[in-house]
Amino acid sequence: MKSGPVQQSVKTTFQNVGNQTRSETELFHQDLAKALVAANIPLKMLQNTQIKEFLQQYCNQNIPDKSTIRKKNVHAVYKTVIQEIKVSLDNGSFYIIVDESILVVDISHILLLEPYKKIIQVNHI
């Protein structure tokens, strides 16, 4: 019996390439959602033709629709931010002040005030 390198079938090769591409695309979508949320850029900006073309040209990726990002990626970003807040609070005391006043630019703010520590501001909730 001969032992040596085993060749993959064409079907297996294409499945592996497809999985790699899909995971790279999913990672790009996740990173895009994280960047937009961190910069307080509304997801509707992905519908702007100029921005979409710019991102496609320089990222070499298809830019998803805002609803795709919202359905598949925003919840994961939310969970990450909540976890970061929990870690930063580290079972310490804190105050929550909610200001739901609507300004001309329609911004709602939540400030988490930690005694003797920094202020964490969350916009566009």
N, C-alpha and C. Protein backbone atom coordinates (compact mmCIF):
# COMPACT_ATOMS: atom_id res chain seq x y z
N MET A 1 0.82 -1.16 0.00
CA MET A 1 0.00 0.00 0.00
C MET A 1 0.88 1.24 0.00
N LYS A 2 0.53 2.20 -0.87
CA LYS A 2 1.28 3.43 -1.00
C LYS A 2 0.81 4.45 0.03
N SER A 3 1.76 5.09 0.66
CA SER A 3 1.35 6.17 1.56
C SER A 3 2.02 7.44 1.06
N GLY A 4 1.27 8.48 1.01
CA GLY A 4 1.78 9.76 0.52
C GLY A 4 0.71 10.82 0.66
N PRO A 5 0.96 11.97 0.07
CA PRO A 5 -0.03 13.03 0.20
C PRO A 5 -1.33 12.65 -0.48
N VAL A 6 -2.42 13.00 0.16
CA VAL A 6 -3.75 12.70 -0.36
C VAL A 6 -4.30 13.96 -1.01
N GLN A 7 -4.73 13.80 -2.26
CA GLN A 7 -5.30 14.93 -2.98
C GLN A 7 -6.75 15.13 -2.58
N GLN A 8 -7.15 16.39 -2.45
CA GLN A 8 -8.54 16.68 -2.15
C GLN A 8 -9.33 16.63 -3.44
N SER A 9 -10.58 16.27 -3.31
CA SER A 9 -11.43 16.30 -4.49
C SER A 9 -11.75 17.75 -4.82
N VAL A 10 -12.18 18.00 -6.04
CA VAL A 10 -12.53 19.35 -6.48
C VAL A 10 -13.65 19.91 -5.61
N LYS A 11 -14.64 19.06 -5.29
CA LYS A 11 -15.77 19.48 -4.48
C LYS A 11 -15.29 19.93 -3.09
N THR A 12 -14.42 19.15 -2.46
CA THR A 12 -13.90 19.50 -1.13
C THR A 12 -13.11 20.80 -1.19
N THR A 13 -12.30 20.96 -2.23
CA THR A 13 -11.50 22.18 -2.38
C THR A 13 -12.40 23.40 -2.47
N PHE A 14 -13.44 23.35 -3.29
CA PHE A 14 -14.35 24.48 -3.44
C PHE A 14 -15.12 24.75 -2.15
N GLN A 15 -15.48 23.70 -1.42
CA GLN A 15 -16.17 23.90 -0.14
C GLN A 15 -15.27 24.62 0.85
N ASN A 16 -13.99 24.24 0.90
CA ASN A 16 -13.05 24.89 1.81
C ASN A 16 -12.85 26.36 1.44
N VAL A 17 -12.71 26.64 0.15
CA VAL A 17 -12.55 28.02 -0.30
C VAL A 17 -13.80 28.82 0.02
N GLY A 18 -14.97 28.23 -0.20
CA GLY A 18 -16.23 28.90 0.11
C GLY A 18 -16.35 29.22 1.59
N ASN A 19 -15.95 28.29 2.45
CA ASN A 19 -16.01 28.52 3.90
C ASN A 19 -15.06 29.62 4.33
N GLN A 20 -13.87 29.63 3.75
CA GLN A 20 -12.89 30.65 4.09
C GLN A 20 -13.40 32.02 3.67
N THR A 21 -13.94 32.12 2.47
CA THR A 21 -14.45 33.39 1.97
C THR A 21 -15.62 33.86 2.84
N ARG A 22 -16.50 32.94 3.19
CA ARG A 22 -17.65 33.32 4.01
C ARG A 22 -17.19 33.83 5.36
N SER A 23 -16.23 33.15 5.99
CA SER A 23 -15.78 33.58 7.31
C SER A 23 -15.04 34.92 7.22
N GLU A 24 -14.29 35.14 6.16
CA GLU A 24 -13.63 36.43 5.97
C GLU A 24 -14.67 37.53 5.78
N THR A 25 -15.71 37.24 5.03
CA THR A 25 -16.79 38.21 4.80
C THR A 25 -17.51 38.50 6.11
N GLU A 26 -17.80 37.46 6.89
CA GLU A 26 -18.47 37.65 8.17
C GLU A 26 -17.61 38.48 9.12
N LEU A 27 -16.30 38.24 9.11
CA LEU A 27 -15.37 39.01 9.94
C LEU A 27 -15.35 40.48 9.50
N PHE A 28 -15.35 40.71 8.20
CA PHE A 28 -15.38 42.09 7.69
C PHE A 28 -16.67 42.78 8.13
N HIS A 29 -17.81 42.10 8.01
CA HIS A 29 -19.09 42.68 8.42
C HIS A 29 -19.08 43.00 9.91
N GLN A 30 -18.53 42.10 10.72
CA GLN A 30 -18.45 42.33 12.16
C GLN A 30 -17.57 43.53 12.48
N ASP A 31 -16.41 43.61 11.83
CA ASP A 31 -15.50 44.74 12.05
C ASP A 31 -16.10 46.04 11.57
N LEU A 32 -16.82 45.99 10.46
CA LEU A 32 -17.49 47.18 9.94
C LEU A 32 -18.55 47.67 10.94
N ALA A 33 -19.34 46.75 11.47
CA ALA A 33 -20.37 47.12 12.46
C ALA A 33 -19.71 47.72 13.69
N LYS A 34 -18.62 47.11 14.17
CA LYS A 34 -17.91 47.61 15.34
C LYS A 34 -17.40 49.03 15.11
N ALA A 35 -16.82 49.26 13.93
CA ALA A 35 -16.27 50.58 13.61
C ALA A 35 -17.37 51.63 13.53
N LEU A 36 -18.47 51.31 12.89
CA LEU A 36 -19.57 52.27 12.75
C LEU A 36 -20.17 52.61 14.11
N VAL A 37 -20.38 51.60 14.94
CA VAL A 37 -20.96 51.83 16.26
C VAL A 37 -19.99 52.64 17.13
N ALA A 38 -18.71 52.29 17.10
CA ALA A 38 -17.72 52.98 17.92
C ALA A 38 -17.59 54.46 17.54
N ALA A 39 -17.77 54.75 16.26
CA ALA A 39 -17.64 56.13 15.77
C ALA A 39 -18.97 56.88 15.77
N ASN A 40 -20.03 56.24 16.29
CA ASN A 40 -21.37 56.83 16.29
C ASN A 40 -21.83 57.21 14.88
N ILE A 41 -21.48 56.38 13.92
CA ILE A 41 -21.93 56.59 12.54
C ILE A 41 -23.18 55.74 12.33
N PRO A 42 -24.29 56.36 11.98
CA PRO A 42 -25.52 55.59 11.77
C PRO A 42 -25.35 54.57 10.65
N LEU A 43 -25.98 53.41 10.82
CA LEU A 43 -25.87 52.35 9.82
C LEU A 43 -26.45 52.77 8.48
N LYS A 44 -27.37 53.73 8.49
CA LYS A 44 -27.96 54.18 7.23
C LYS A 44 -26.92 54.81 6.30
N MET A 45 -25.75 55.17 6.84
CA MET A 45 -24.69 55.72 5.99
C MET A 45 -24.17 54.70 4.98
N LEU A 46 -24.42 53.42 5.24
CA LEU A 46 -24.02 52.39 4.28
C LEU A 46 -24.83 52.47 3.00
N GLN A 47 -25.94 53.20 3.02
CA GLN A 47 -26.75 53.38 1.82
C GLN A 47 -26.25 54.53 0.96
N ASN A 48 -25.36 55.36 1.51
CA ASN A 48 -24.80 56.47 0.75
C ASN A 48 -23.92 55.91 -0.36
N THR A 49 -24.22 56.28 -1.58
CA THR A 49 -23.51 55.73 -2.75
C THR A 49 -22.02 56.02 -2.69
N GLN A 50 -21.64 57.23 -2.34
CA GLN A 50 -20.22 57.61 -2.29
C GLN A 50 -19.46 56.78 -1.27
N ILE A 51 -20.02 56.64 -0.09
CA ILE A 51 -19.36 55.86 0.97
C ILE A 51 -19.28 54.39 0.58
N LYS A 52 -20.38 53.87 0.04
CA LYS A 52 -20.41 52.47 -0.36
C LYS A 52 -19.34 52.17 -1.43
N GLU A 53 -19.26 53.03 -2.45
CA GLU A 53 -18.26 52.84 -3.51
C GLU A 53 -16.84 52.97 -2.96
N PHE A 54 -16.63 53.93 -2.07
CA PHE A 54 -15.31 54.12 -1.47
C PHE A 54 -14.88 52.87 -0.71
N LEU A 55 -15.77 52.35 0.15
CA LEU A 55 -15.45 51.16 0.93
C LEU A 55 -15.21 49.95 0.04
N GLN A 56 -16.04 49.80 -1.00
CA GLN A 56 -15.87 48.67 -1.91
C GLN A 56 -14.53 48.75 -2.63
N GLN A 57 -14.16 49.95 -3.05
CA GLN A 57 -12.91 50.13 -3.80
C GLN A 57 -11.69 49.86 -2.93
N TYR A 58 -11.66 50.41 -1.73
CA TYR A 58 -10.45 50.32 -0.91
C TYR A 58 -10.43 49.14 0.06
N CYS A 59 -11.57 48.52 0.29
CA CYS A 59 -11.61 47.35 1.17
C CYS A 59 -11.72 46.05 0.37
N ASN A 60 -11.99 46.18 -0.92
CA ASN A 60 -12.17 45.01 -1.79
C ASN A 60 -13.19 44.02 -1.21
N GLN A 61 -14.26 44.56 -0.66
CA GLN A 61 -15.33 43.75 -0.08
C GLN A 61 -16.66 44.32 -0.55
N ASN A 62 -17.66 43.44 -0.67
CA ASN A 62 -19.01 43.92 -0.91
C ASN A 62 -19.52 44.51 0.39
N ILE A 63 -20.13 45.67 0.30
CA ILE A 63 -20.64 46.34 1.48
C ILE A 63 -22.09 45.91 1.68
N PRO A 64 -22.41 45.36 2.85
CA PRO A 64 -23.76 44.87 3.09
C PRO A 64 -24.75 46.01 3.30
N ASP A 65 -26.01 45.69 3.18
CA ASP A 65 -27.07 46.65 3.45
C ASP A 65 -27.14 46.88 4.96
N LYS A 66 -27.67 48.04 5.35
CA LYS A 66 -27.76 48.36 6.78
C LYS A 66 -28.59 47.33 7.54
N SER A 67 -29.62 46.77 6.89
CA SER A 67 -30.46 45.78 7.58
C SER A 67 -29.69 44.49 7.84
N THR A 68 -28.79 44.13 6.95
CA THR A 68 -27.97 42.93 7.13
C THR A 68 -27.05 43.10 8.34
N ILE A 69 -26.40 44.25 8.42
CA ILE A 69 -25.52 44.54 9.56
C ILE A 69 -26.33 44.55 10.85
N ARG A 70 -27.48 45.18 10.81
CA ARG A 70 -28.33 45.28 12.01
C ARG A 70 -28.76 43.89 12.48
N LYS A 71 -29.19 43.05 11.55
CA LYS A 71 -29.71 41.72 11.91
C LYS A 71 -28.60 40.78 12.38
N LYS A 72 -27.45 40.83 11.73
CA LYS A 72 -26.42 39.82 11.97
C LYS A 72 -25.28 40.25 12.88
N ASN A 73 -25.02 41.56 13.02
CA ASN A 73 -23.80 41.97 13.69
C ASN A 73 -23.97 42.92 14.88
N VAL A 74 -25.01 43.72 14.89
CA VAL A 74 -25.14 44.72 15.93
C VAL A 74 -25.31 44.09 17.32
N HIS A 75 -26.03 42.98 17.41
CA HIS A 75 -26.22 42.35 18.71
C HIS A 75 -24.88 41.89 19.30
N ALA A 76 -24.01 41.34 18.48
CA ALA A 76 -22.69 40.90 18.97
C ALA A 76 -21.87 42.10 19.45
N VAL A 77 -21.96 43.22 18.75
CA VAL A 77 -21.26 44.43 19.17
C VAL A 77 -21.83 44.91 20.50
N TYR A 78 -23.15 44.87 20.61
CA TYR A 78 -23.83 45.26 21.86
C TYR A 78 -23.33 44.41 23.03
N LYS A 79 -23.28 43.10 22.84
CA LYS A 79 -22.83 42.21 23.91
C LYS A 79 -21.38 42.53 24.31
N THR A 80 -20.54 42.83 23.35
CA THR A 80 -19.15 43.18 23.63
C THR A 80 -19.06 44.46 24.45
N VAL A 81 -19.83 45.49 24.06
CA VAL A 81 -19.82 46.75 24.79
C VAL A 81 -20.33 46.56 26.21
N ILE A 82 -21.40 45.81 26.37
CA ILE A 82 -21.94 45.54 27.72
C ILE A 82 -20.89 44.83 28.57
N GLN A 83 -20.19 43.87 27.99
CA GLN A 83 -19.15 43.14 28.73
C GLN A 83 -18.03 44.09 29.13
N GLU A 84 -17.63 45.00 28.24
CA GLU A 84 -16.58 45.97 28.56
C GLU A 84 -17.03 46.89 29.69
N ILE A 85 -18.30 47.28 29.69
CA ILE A 85 -18.83 48.13 30.76
C ILE A 85 -18.80 47.37 32.08
N LYS A 86 -19.22 46.10 32.06
CA LYS A 86 -19.21 45.30 33.28
C LYS A 86 -17.80 45.17 33.84
N VAL A 87 -16.84 44.95 32.97
CA VAL A 87 -15.45 44.81 33.41
C VAL A 87 -14.95 46.13 33.99
N SER A 88 -15.28 47.24 33.34
CA SER A 88 -14.80 48.54 33.83
C SER A 88 -15.43 48.90 35.17
N LEU A 89 -16.67 48.46 35.40
CA LEU A 89 -17.33 48.75 36.68
C LEU A 89 -16.77 47.86 37.80
N ASP A 90 -16.41 46.65 37.46
CA ASP A 90 -15.76 45.73 38.39
C ASP A 90 -16.45 45.69 39.75
N ASN A 91 -17.77 45.48 39.74
CA ASN A 91 -18.57 45.36 40.96
C ASN A 91 -18.51 46.59 41.86
N GLY A 92 -18.10 47.74 41.32
CA GLY A 92 -18.06 48.96 42.11
C GLY A 92 -19.40 49.69 42.06
N SER A 93 -19.50 50.75 42.82
CA SER A 93 -20.71 51.57 42.82
C SER A 93 -20.74 52.44 41.57
N PHE A 94 -21.95 52.70 41.09
CA PHE A 94 -22.09 53.58 39.93
C PHE A 94 -23.47 54.20 39.95
N TYR A 95 -23.62 55.29 39.19
CA TYR A 95 -24.90 55.99 39.06
C TYR A 95 -25.29 55.96 37.60
N ILE A 96 -26.56 55.86 37.34
CA ILE A 96 -27.05 55.93 35.96
C ILE A 96 -27.94 57.16 35.86
N ILE A 97 -27.61 58.04 34.93
CA ILE A 97 -28.41 59.22 34.66
C ILE A 97 -28.89 59.10 33.22
N VAL A 98 -30.19 59.11 33.03
CA VAL A 98 -30.75 58.99 31.69
C VAL A 98 -31.39 60.31 31.32
N ASP A 99 -30.94 60.88 30.23
CA ASP A 99 -31.50 62.11 29.71
C ASP A 99 -32.11 61.80 28.36
N GLU A 100 -33.42 61.73 28.30
CA GLU A 100 -34.08 61.38 27.06
C GLU A 100 -34.59 62.60 26.31
N SER A 101 -34.02 63.75 26.63
CA SER A 101 -34.45 64.96 25.91
C SER A 101 -34.03 64.85 24.46
N ILE A 102 -34.87 65.36 23.60
CA ILE A 102 -34.58 65.30 22.17
C ILE A 102 -34.15 66.68 21.71
N LEU A 103 -32.95 66.73 21.18
CA LEU A 103 -32.40 67.98 20.68
C LEU A 103 -32.70 68.10 19.20
N VAL A 104 -32.20 69.16 18.61
CA VAL A 104 -32.40 69.37 17.18
C VAL A 104 -31.85 68.19 16.38
N VAL A 105 -30.75 67.59 16.84
CA VAL A 105 -30.13 66.48 16.12
C VAL A 105 -30.63 65.12 16.61
N ASP A 106 -31.63 65.11 17.50
CA ASP A 106 -32.26 63.88 17.97
C ASP A 106 -31.26 62.90 18.59
N ILE A 107 -30.62 63.32 19.68
CA ILE A 107 -29.64 62.49 20.36
C ILE A 107 -30.15 62.20 21.77
N SER A 108 -30.14 60.95 22.16
CA SER A 108 -30.42 60.57 23.54
C SER A 108 -29.11 60.12 24.16
N HIS A 109 -28.90 60.49 25.41
CA HIS A 109 -27.63 60.16 26.07
C HIS A 109 -27.87 59.32 27.31
N ILE A 110 -26.95 58.44 27.55
CA ILE A 110 -26.89 57.75 28.83
C ILE A 110 -25.46 57.91 29.32
N LEU A 111 -25.31 58.41 30.52
CA LEU A 111 -23.98 58.57 31.10
C LEU A 111 -23.87 57.62 32.29
N LEU A 112 -22.83 56.85 32.32
CA LEU A 112 -22.56 56.01 33.47
C LEU A 112 -21.47 56.70 34.27
N LEU A 113 -21.79 57.11 35.46
CA LEU A 113 -20.84 57.85 36.29
C LEU A 113 -20.31 56.91 37.36
N GLU A 114 -19.03 56.71 37.34
CA GLU A 114 -18.41 55.90 38.36
C GLU A 114 -17.74 56.86 39.34
N PRO A 115 -17.96 56.67 40.62
CA PRO A 115 -17.32 57.58 41.58
C PRO A 115 -15.81 57.60 41.40
N TYR A 116 -15.28 58.80 41.28
CA TYR A 116 -13.84 59.02 41.17
C TYR A 116 -13.22 58.37 39.95
N LYS A 117 -14.03 58.09 38.95
CA LYS A 117 -13.51 57.49 37.72
C LYS A 117 -14.03 58.24 36.52
N LYS A 118 -13.76 57.74 35.36
CA LYS A 118 -14.17 58.41 34.12
C LYS A 118 -15.66 58.28 33.86
N ILE A 119 -16.15 59.09 32.95
CA ILE A 119 -17.55 59.04 32.53
C ILE A 119 -17.61 58.27 31.23
N ILE A 120 -18.54 57.33 31.15
CA ILE A 120 -18.75 56.56 29.93
C ILE A 120 -20.02 57.10 29.29
N GLN A 121 -19.93 57.50 28.03
CA GLN A 121 -21.11 58.07 27.35
C GLN A 121 -21.52 57.13 26.22
N VAL A 122 -22.81 56.86 26.16
CA VAL A 122 -23.36 56.00 25.12
C VAL A 122 -24.39 56.81 24.36
N ASN A 123 -24.24 56.94 23.06
CA ASN A 123 -25.16 57.71 22.22
C ASN A 123 -25.95 56.79 21.32
N HIS A 124 -27.03 57.32 20.78
CA HIS A 124 -27.84 56.65 19.75
C HIS A 124 -28.30 55.27 20.17
N ILE A 125 -28.96 55.18 21.26
CA ILE A 125 -29.44 53.88 21.74
C ILE A 125 -30.81 53.63 21.18
